[in-house]
Amino acid sequence: MADTPPRTAQPTARPDRAVAPTRTPADAFARASASVSGSAEDPVHDADLIVIGGGPAGCAAARTAAGVGMRTILIEPDALCRNLYRIPALNNVLGGWTDGPALADAVTAELRSTDLCRLELGREVGGVHVHDEHVAVTLDTGARLTAPHVVVATGVGPLQPHDVGWITAPDTRPLPPLWRATSRDAEARTLLVLGGDRPIGTFLRARPDTDTRLLVAYPESDAYKIEEIRDDPRVTLLPTERLTLSVSVSGRATADILSGDGGRRTVTADAAYLSIGNAPTAPPGDLVRGADGYCPPGDQHPRVIVAGDLRAARFQRIMTALGSGSEAALRAYYAARDLSAGR
């Protein structure tokens, strides 16, 4: 008998494998939104939580909320962490971060890759209005977003000379805060700094080798703040009772200064910058504001949770903003669970 050749296994025909589509945070948000019931007992909102403000507090709130399964919309008129990018040196943030841009890059990358977090950047908030079952947030586009709760973390903006009583200045154009000045702005130049707020120390520490001269005119109320810069040879301290400022078209500044002991002097500088503090920038609508413009958390409607620097003039630090944002998100999370349980 002839040998029978061994059988060769025939390949099994298989259909081409489909390539799984790349999933994005927006896909996750859409899938979660589609799973929400639309019945009258469980009305559909645009999100489980709306966060207004994309600084450290707002980003922490959005990240924490998404981490516990809440569909979150974060609204920011500028870029995420825009002010962090302007802080050249850090020395009080956990994790080894030593400059603002590196921390801002890390936070921004994490938010952009966070499932359940939808970013609405470049959008201004026109109003925040509280209703029985939800909060409605109106954007500058006319769009109206709703959620059971809102975290407001819009922070503060720099005060201008007309906001304080000891400076007289023309209202021709706003002056920039010192933290916006670059090394190029300061190198081989004399800068007049109005106010003794702490960003001056940060500015100098970030530029130890910059050849600059700062003329710091400050009121008595800022005296305790200037201790950290008192011994820097680049600083000339000018205790001030009243100051009259004029700025030329080229930006050169002249200040007539009346000191507390009645003495008078005139100083000139290549440019003028502000370090007189900040003012709260709460959006219009149903937020309760104190006499100072800040929004105390305990005074708000239960559906409105204030986080970060908007809470009060004290405790305005990156670390406290991160913590308060995370806590705000968890307050919304637990409040929603209590409401759904009928408590």
Protein backbone atom coordinates (compact mmCIF):
# COMPACT_ATOMS: atom_id res chain seq x y z
CA MET A 1 0.00 0.00 0.00
CA ALA A 2 1.29 3.38 -0.87
CA ASP A 3 2.05 5.64 1.95
CA THR A 4 -0.67 8.23 2.56
CA PRO A 5 0.76 11.68 2.81
CA PRO A 6 -0.01 13.40 6.10
CA ARG A 7 -2.84 15.81 6.05
CA THR A 8 -1.92 19.43 6.19
CA ALA A 9 -4.11 21.52 8.43
CA GLN A 10 -5.97 24.10 6.39
CA PRO A 11 -6.12 27.58 7.79
CA THR A 12 -9.51 28.56 9.08
CA ALA A 13 -10.90 31.53 7.29
CA ARG A 14 -11.62 34.34 9.75
CA PRO A 15 -13.10 37.72 9.11
CA ASP A 16 -10.75 40.65 9.48
CA ARG A 17 -10.66 41.86 13.05
CA ALA A 18 -12.28 45.22 13.57
CA VAL A 19 -9.99 47.83 15.05
CA ALA A 20 -11.46 49.24 18.24
CA PRO A 21 -12.03 52.98 17.97
CA THR A 22 -9.97 55.24 20.15
CA ARG A 23 -11.95 56.29 23.19
CA THR A 24 -11.72 59.88 24.36
CA PRO A 25 -12.93 61.65 27.51
CA ALA A 26 -15.70 63.19 25.38
CA ASP A 27 -16.84 59.68 24.37
CA ALA A 28 -17.03 58.64 28.02
CA PHE A 29 -19.01 61.78 28.87
CA ALA A 30 -21.44 61.12 26.00
CA ARG A 31 -21.92 57.45 26.94
CA ALA A 32 -22.59 58.38 30.56
CA SER A 33 -25.04 61.09 29.48
CA ALA A 34 -26.89 58.66 27.24
CA SER A 35 -27.37 56.27 30.15
CA VAL A 36 -29.22 58.84 32.27
CA SER A 37 -32.99 58.34 32.42
CA GLY A 38 -35.20 61.02 30.91
CA SER A 39 -38.29 60.37 33.01
CA ALA A 40 -40.02 63.08 35.02
CA GLU A 41 -38.82 61.40 38.20
CA ASP A 42 -35.20 61.54 37.00
CA PRO A 43 -34.87 64.54 34.68
CA VAL A 44 -31.84 64.77 32.44
CA HIS A 45 -29.36 67.54 33.15
CA ASP A 46 -26.37 68.50 31.05
CA ALA A 47 -24.08 67.25 33.80
CA ASP A 48 -24.03 66.02 37.36
CA LEU A 49 -21.80 68.97 38.30
CA ILE A 50 -20.84 72.24 36.63
CA VAL A 51 -17.53 73.81 37.64
CA ILE A 52 -16.92 77.48 36.87
CA GLY A 53 -13.26 78.43 36.82
CA GLY A 54 -10.22 76.56 35.50
CA GLY A 55 -7.62 77.41 38.13
CA PRO A 56 -6.26 74.99 40.75
CA ALA A 57 -9.55 74.87 42.70
CA GLY A 58 -11.74 74.36 39.65
CA CYS A 59 -9.44 71.74 38.13
CA ALA A 60 -9.28 69.85 41.43
CA ALA A 61 -13.09 69.93 41.68
CA ALA A 62 -13.53 68.61 38.15
CA ARG A 63 -10.94 65.87 38.58
CA THR A 64 -12.35 64.73 41.92
CA ALA A 65 -15.95 64.77 40.65
CA ALA A 66 -15.08 62.73 37.57
CA GLY A 67 -13.15 60.33 39.78
CA VAL A 68 -16.31 59.46 41.71
CA GLY A 69 -18.36 59.04 38.55
CA MET A 70 -19.94 62.46 38.16
CA ARG A 71 -20.40 63.87 34.66
CA THR A 72 -18.66 67.23 34.96
CA ILE A 73 -18.52 70.34 32.78
CA LEU A 74 -15.71 72.79 33.51
CA ILE A 75 -16.14 76.34 32.14
CA GLU A 76 -13.16 78.67 31.81
CA PRO A 77 -12.90 81.91 29.77
CA ASP A 78 -9.17 81.46 29.18
CA ALA A 79 -6.75 78.53 29.32
CA LEU A 80 -6.66 76.06 32.18
CA CYS A 81 -4.38 77.20 35.02
CA ARG A 82 -3.62 80.44 33.19
CA ASN A 83 -2.26 82.16 36.30
CA LEU A 84 -0.06 79.22 37.25
CA TYR A 85 1.79 79.71 33.98
CA ARG A 86 2.77 83.17 35.20
CA ILE A 87 4.32 82.01 38.48
CA PRO A 88 8.01 81.38 37.80
CA ALA A 89 8.93 79.92 41.20
CA LEU A 90 7.11 77.72 43.72
CA ASN A 91 8.30 76.68 47.14
CA ASN A 92 5.12 75.68 48.98
CA VAL A 93 3.49 72.96 46.87
CA LEU A 94 3.71 69.22 47.54
CA GLY A 95 5.10 66.92 44.88
CA GLY A 96 8.40 68.63 44.18
CA TRP A 97 6.95 71.30 41.89
CA THR A 98 9.30 74.29 41.76
CA ASP A 99 7.72 76.38 39.01
CA GLY A 100 4.17 77.21 37.99
CA PRO A 101 4.35 76.26 34.29
CA ALA A 102 5.41 72.68 35.05
CA LEU A 103 2.57 72.23 37.54
CA ALA A 104 0.11 73.86 35.13
CA ASP A 105 1.21 71.53 32.31
CA ALA A 106 0.66 68.48 34.52
CA VAL A 107 -2.78 69.61 35.71
CA THR A 108 -3.87 70.55 32.19
CA ALA A 109 -2.75 67.22 30.72
CA GLU A 110 -4.59 65.30 33.43
CA LEU A 111 -7.83 67.26 32.97
CA ARG A 112 -7.74 66.83 29.19
CA SER A 113 -7.44 63.06 29.59
CA THR A 114 -10.03 62.71 32.36
CA ASP A 115 -13.09 60.65 31.46
CA LEU A 116 -16.44 62.23 32.36
CA CYS A 117 -14.93 65.76 32.25
CA ARG A 118 -16.06 68.03 29.43
CA LEU A 119 -14.08 71.24 29.00
CA GLU A 120 -15.74 74.46 27.84
CA LEU A 121 -12.74 76.75 27.32
CA GLY A 122 -12.97 80.28 25.99
CA ARG A 123 -16.46 80.69 27.42
CA GLU A 124 -17.65 83.46 29.76
CA VAL A 125 -20.42 82.83 32.28
CA GLY A 126 -23.24 85.34 31.98
CA GLY A 127 -25.23 84.17 34.97
CA VAL A 128 -25.72 81.52 37.66
CA HIS A 129 -29.34 80.94 38.67
CA VAL A 130 -30.62 78.53 41.30
CA HIS A 131 -33.88 76.63 40.87
CA ASP A 132 -35.65 74.10 43.09
CA GLU A 133 -34.14 71.04 41.42
CA HIS A 134 -31.07 72.36 39.62
CA VAL A 135 -28.70 75.22 38.89
CA ALA A 136 -28.72 76.90 35.46
CA VAL A 137 -25.54 78.45 34.07
CA THR A 138 -25.83 80.76 31.06
CA LEU A 139 -22.82 81.17 28.74
CA ASP A 140 -21.85 84.14 26.60
CA THR A 141 -22.98 82.14 23.56
CA GLY A 142 -26.52 82.05 24.92
CA ALA A 143 -26.26 78.35 25.75
CA ARG A 144 -27.86 77.26 29.02
CA LEU A 145 -26.37 74.38 31.01
CA THR A 146 -28.01 72.69 33.99
CA ALA A 147 -26.82 70.43 36.79
CA PRO A 148 -27.94 69.58 40.32
CA HIS A 149 -24.98 71.53 41.75
CA VAL A 150 -22.38 74.09 40.68
CA VAL A 151 -18.90 74.71 42.05
CA VAL A 152 -17.87 78.35 41.62
CA ALA A 153 -14.09 78.76 41.66
CA THR A 154 -13.52 81.93 39.67
CA GLY A 155 -10.92 83.26 42.08
CA VAL A 156 -9.68 86.82 42.14
CA GLY A 157 -8.25 89.43 39.81
CA PRO A 158 -5.72 92.22 40.43
CA LEU A 159 -6.91 95.40 42.07
CA GLN A 160 -6.36 98.63 40.16
CA PRO A 161 -5.26 101.99 41.64
CA HIS A 162 -8.84 103.30 41.71
CA ASP A 163 -9.77 100.39 43.99
CA VAL A 164 -7.63 101.67 46.88
CA GLY A 165 -7.77 104.96 48.72
CA TRP A 166 -4.07 105.81 48.92
CA ILE A 167 -3.34 106.04 45.18
CA THR A 168 -4.47 108.75 42.77
CA ALA A 169 -3.93 107.74 39.15
CA PRO A 170 -5.47 108.46 35.74
CA ASP A 171 -8.03 105.96 34.47
CA THR A 172 -6.48 105.84 31.03
CA ARG A 173 -5.47 102.18 31.07
CA PRO A 174 -5.12 99.40 33.65
CA LEU A 175 -1.70 98.71 35.11
CA PRO A 176 -0.35 95.15 34.95
CA PRO A 177 0.30 93.13 38.11
CA LEU A 178 3.97 92.47 38.88
CA TRP A 179 3.63 88.72 38.36
CA ARG A 180 3.05 89.36 34.67
CA ALA A 181 6.45 91.03 34.29
CA THR A 182 9.14 88.93 32.62
CA SER A 183 12.89 88.96 33.15
CA ARG A 184 13.18 90.99 29.96
CA ASP A 185 10.80 93.57 31.41
CA ALA A 186 12.97 93.88 34.50
CA GLU A 187 16.56 93.50 33.24
CA ALA A 188 18.57 96.72 33.63
CA ARG A 189 15.40 98.66 34.39
CA THR A 190 13.83 100.42 37.36
CA LEU A 191 10.28 99.31 38.15
CA LEU A 192 7.85 101.19 40.36
CA VAL A 193 5.78 98.67 42.32
CA LEU A 194 2.58 99.94 43.93
CA GLY A 195 1.80 97.94 47.06
CA GLY A 196 3.75 95.46 49.14
CA ASP A 197 1.81 92.26 48.46
CA ARG A 198 3.71 88.97 48.58
CA PRO A 199 4.11 88.35 44.82
CA ILE A 200 7.10 90.72 45.03
CA GLY A 201 9.05 88.07 46.94
CA THR A 202 8.12 85.42 44.38
CA PHE A 203 9.21 87.73 41.56
CA LEU A 204 12.64 88.30 43.12
CA ARG A 205 13.27 84.66 44.09
CA ALA A 206 12.55 83.57 40.53
CA ARG A 207 15.14 86.04 39.19
CA PRO A 208 18.09 86.00 41.59
CA ASP A 209 20.53 87.18 38.91
CA THR A 210 18.34 89.78 37.21
CA ASP A 211 19.85 93.27 37.33
CA THR A 212 16.78 95.27 38.28
CA ARG A 213 15.71 97.87 40.80
CA LEU A 214 12.30 97.83 42.45
CA LEU A 215 10.88 100.96 44.03
CA VAL A 216 8.20 99.55 46.31
CA ALA A 217 5.65 102.12 47.49
CA TYR A 218 3.43 100.56 50.13
CA PRO A 219 0.86 101.69 52.73
CA GLU A 220 1.16 101.00 56.44
CA SER A 221 -1.29 98.10 56.11
CA ASP A 222 1.26 96.26 53.95
CA ALA A 223 4.17 96.75 56.34
CA TYR A 224 4.12 93.15 57.58
CA LYS A 225 4.18 91.81 54.02
CA ILE A 226 7.46 93.41 52.98
CA GLU A 227 9.65 91.70 55.56
CA GLU A 228 10.74 88.99 53.11
CA ILE A 229 12.06 91.57 50.62
CA ARG A 230 13.49 94.10 53.06
CA ASP A 231 17.06 92.82 52.78
CA ASP A 232 17.16 92.38 49.01
CA PRO A 233 19.63 95.00 47.68
CA ARG A 234 17.54 95.44 44.54
CA VAL A 235 14.61 96.81 46.58
CA THR A 236 14.05 100.37 47.77
CA LEU A 237 11.16 100.57 50.23
CA LEU A 238 8.97 103.68 50.16
CA PRO A 239 6.47 103.85 53.06
CA THR A 240 3.53 105.81 51.68
CA GLU A 241 0.55 107.69 53.02
CA ARG A 242 -0.58 109.08 49.64
CA LEU A 243 0.74 108.61 46.10
CA THR A 244 -0.10 110.47 42.90
CA LEU A 245 0.87 108.58 39.77
CA SER A 246 1.34 109.66 36.19
CA VAL A 247 2.32 107.38 33.32
CA SER A 248 3.61 108.60 29.96
CA VAL A 249 2.63 107.20 26.58
CA SER A 250 5.91 105.26 26.54
CA GLY A 251 5.08 103.70 29.92
CA ARG A 252 7.50 105.67 32.10
CA ALA A 253 6.06 106.34 35.55
CA THR A 254 6.37 109.29 37.91
CA ALA A 255 5.07 109.17 41.47
CA ASP A 256 4.72 111.98 43.97
CA ILE A 257 4.79 110.36 47.40
CA LEU A 258 3.64 111.68 50.76
CA SER A 259 5.00 109.56 53.59
CA GLY A 260 3.44 109.00 56.98
CA ASP A 261 5.75 111.51 58.67
CA GLY A 262 4.77 114.26 56.24
CA GLY A 263 7.82 113.99 54.01
CA ARG A 264 7.49 114.32 50.25
CA ARG A 265 9.52 112.88 47.41
CA THR A 266 9.20 112.24 43.69
CA VAL A 267 10.46 109.07 42.04
CA THR A 268 10.62 107.99 38.40
CA ALA A 269 10.78 104.53 36.88
CA ASP A 270 10.84 102.81 33.50
CA ALA A 271 7.46 101.20 34.17
CA ALA A 272 4.83 100.78 36.88
CA TYR A 273 3.38 97.50 38.14
CA LEU A 274 0.81 96.58 40.76
CA SER A 275 1.13 94.50 43.89
CA ILE A 276 -1.80 95.90 45.87
CA GLY A 277 -3.76 92.70 46.19
CA ASN A 278 -6.72 91.16 44.47
CA ALA A 279 -10.48 91.50 44.22
CA PRO A 280 -12.98 88.63 43.91
CA THR A 281 -14.33 87.91 40.42
CA ALA A 282 -17.63 86.16 41.08
CA PRO A 283 -19.96 85.63 38.11
CA PRO A 284 -23.31 87.47 38.09
CA GLY A 285 -26.38 85.73 39.41
CA ASP A 286 -27.52 84.03 42.58
CA LEU A 287 -24.31 84.09 44.61
CA VAL A 288 -24.34 85.73 48.03
CA ARG A 289 -21.53 88.27 48.33
CA GLY A 290 -20.12 89.78 51.48
CA ALA A 291 -19.34 93.47 51.93
CA ASP A 292 -15.83 92.81 50.60
CA GLY A 293 -17.11 91.13 47.46
CA TYR A 294 -16.08 87.62 48.46
CA CYS A 295 -18.61 84.77 48.54
CA PRO A 296 -18.61 83.01 51.95
CA PRO A 297 -19.38 79.31 51.39
CA GLY A 298 -21.70 79.11 54.39
CA ASP A 299 -23.97 81.85 53.03
CA GLN A 300 -24.73 80.20 49.69
CA HIS A 301 -27.70 78.15 48.51
CA PRO A 302 -27.06 74.42 49.11
CA ARG A 303 -26.75 73.86 45.36
CA VAL A 304 -23.98 76.48 45.05
CA ILE A 305 -20.56 75.52 46.42
CA VAL A 306 -17.78 78.11 46.47
CA ALA A 307 -14.15 76.96 46.31
CA GLY A 308 -10.67 78.45 46.13
CA ASP A 309 -9.71 82.10 46.46
CA LEU A 310 -13.28 83.32 45.96
CA ARG A 311 -14.12 82.22 49.52
CA ALA A 312 -12.16 84.91 51.38
CA ALA A 313 -9.09 87.12 51.24
CA ARG A 314 -7.24 84.74 53.55
CA PHE A 315 -5.84 81.32 52.71
CA GLN A 316 -5.16 82.21 49.07
CA ARG A 317 -2.57 79.56 48.26
CA ILE A 318 -2.28 76.88 45.59
CA MET A 319 -2.46 74.07 48.14
CA THR A 320 -5.58 75.41 49.86
CA ALA A 321 -7.22 75.95 46.45
CA LEU A 322 -6.57 72.34 45.44
CA GLY A 323 -7.96 71.04 48.72
CA SER A 324 -11.05 73.23 48.70
CA GLY A 325 -11.84 72.28 45.10
CA SER A 326 -11.69 68.59 45.89
CA GLU A 327 -13.84 69.06 48.98
CA ALA A 328 -16.39 71.06 46.99
CA ALA A 329 -16.79 68.21 44.49
CA LEU A 330 -17.30 65.69 47.28
CA ARG A 331 -19.90 67.95 48.91
CA ALA A 332 -21.86 67.88 45.66
CA TYR A 333 -21.41 64.11 45.39
CA TYR A 334 -22.69 63.38 48.89
CA ALA A 335 -25.50 65.93 48.59
CA ALA A 336 -26.71 64.25 45.41
CA ARG A 337 -26.70 60.85 47.12
CA ASP A 338 -28.68 62.24 50.06
CA LEU A 339 -31.23 63.81 47.73
CA SER A 340 -31.68 60.63 45.71
CA ALA A 341 -32.26 58.72 48.94
CA GLY A 342 -35.02 61.16 49.92
CA ARG A 343 -33.20 62.47 52.97
